[in-house]
Amino acid sequence: MAELLRRKTPAERIQIGFTLWQSAYNMLITHLKKTHPDWSKEKVEQEVVRRLSRGAL
């Protein structure tokens, strides 16, 4: 896998990273909505941002 990634252009590697981030974001949104159906959309999004930023925001 590492060799495959080395052959990618920097733009391709950035795209792969962004796609992985989008997938994590979407999965976390879905999980939090199911786990906390009483939370507002804003609360869910705030929690997603908090978790993905490791509390830095």
Protein backbone atom coordinates (compact mmCIF):
# COMPACT_ATOMS: atom_id res chain seq x y z
CA MET A 1 0.00 0.00 0.00
CA ALA A 2 2.80 2.42 0.86
CA GLU A 3 4.42 1.85 -2.53
CA LEU A 4 1.11 2.50 -4.27
CA LEU A 5 0.73 5.80 -2.42
CA ARG A 6 4.32 6.81 -3.25
CA ARG A 7 3.45 6.53 -6.94
CA LYS A 8 0.54 8.95 -6.59
CA THR A 9 0.97 12.63 -7.37
CA PRO A 10 0.69 15.10 -4.48
CA ALA A 11 -2.74 16.13 -5.80
CA GLU A 12 -3.90 12.52 -5.85
CA ARG A 13 -2.70 12.00 -2.26
CA ILE A 14 -4.51 15.14 -1.12
CA GLN A 15 -7.69 13.93 -2.84
CA ILE A 16 -7.40 10.55 -1.10
CA GLY A 17 -6.95 12.26 2.26
CA PHE A 18 -9.91 14.56 1.66
CA THR A 19 -12.11 11.63 0.63
CA LEU A 20 -11.15 9.77 3.82
CA TRP A 21 -11.94 12.87 5.89
CA GLN A 22 -15.33 13.25 4.19
CA SER A 23 -16.14 9.61 4.91
CA ALA A 24 -15.21 9.99 8.58
CA TYR A 25 -17.30 13.17 8.82
CA ASN A 26 -20.35 11.51 7.25
CA MET A 27 -20.05 8.36 9.37
CA LEU A 28 -19.76 10.44 12.54
CA ILE A 29 -22.81 12.53 11.59
CA THR A 30 -24.83 9.34 11.06
CA HIS A 31 -23.60 7.78 14.32
CA LEU A 32 -24.36 10.86 16.42
CA LYS A 33 -27.83 11.32 14.91
CA LYS A 34 -28.68 7.71 15.79
CA THR A 35 -27.07 7.87 19.23
CA HIS A 36 -28.56 11.26 20.14
CA PRO A 37 -31.86 11.69 18.26
CA ASP A 38 -32.77 14.55 20.61
CA TRP A 39 -29.79 16.69 19.53
CA SER A 40 -30.31 19.52 17.06
CA LYS A 41 -28.53 19.55 13.72
CA GLU A 42 -26.28 22.31 15.06
CA LYS A 43 -25.37 20.29 18.17
CA VAL A 44 -24.51 17.24 16.05
CA GLU A 45 -22.31 19.32 13.75
CA GLN A 46 -20.57 20.97 16.72
CA GLU A 47 -19.80 17.56 18.20
CA VAL A 48 -18.47 16.28 14.88
CA VAL A 49 -16.16 19.28 14.56
CA ARG A 50 -15.04 18.88 18.18
CA ARG A 51 -14.20 15.20 17.68
CA LEU A 52 -12.47 15.62 14.33
CA SER A 53 -10.42 18.54 15.62
CA ARG A 54 -9.56 16.62 18.82
CA GLY A 55 -11.11 19.43 20.82
CA ALA A 56 -8.90 22.11 19.29
CA LEU A 57 -11.91 24.19 18.21
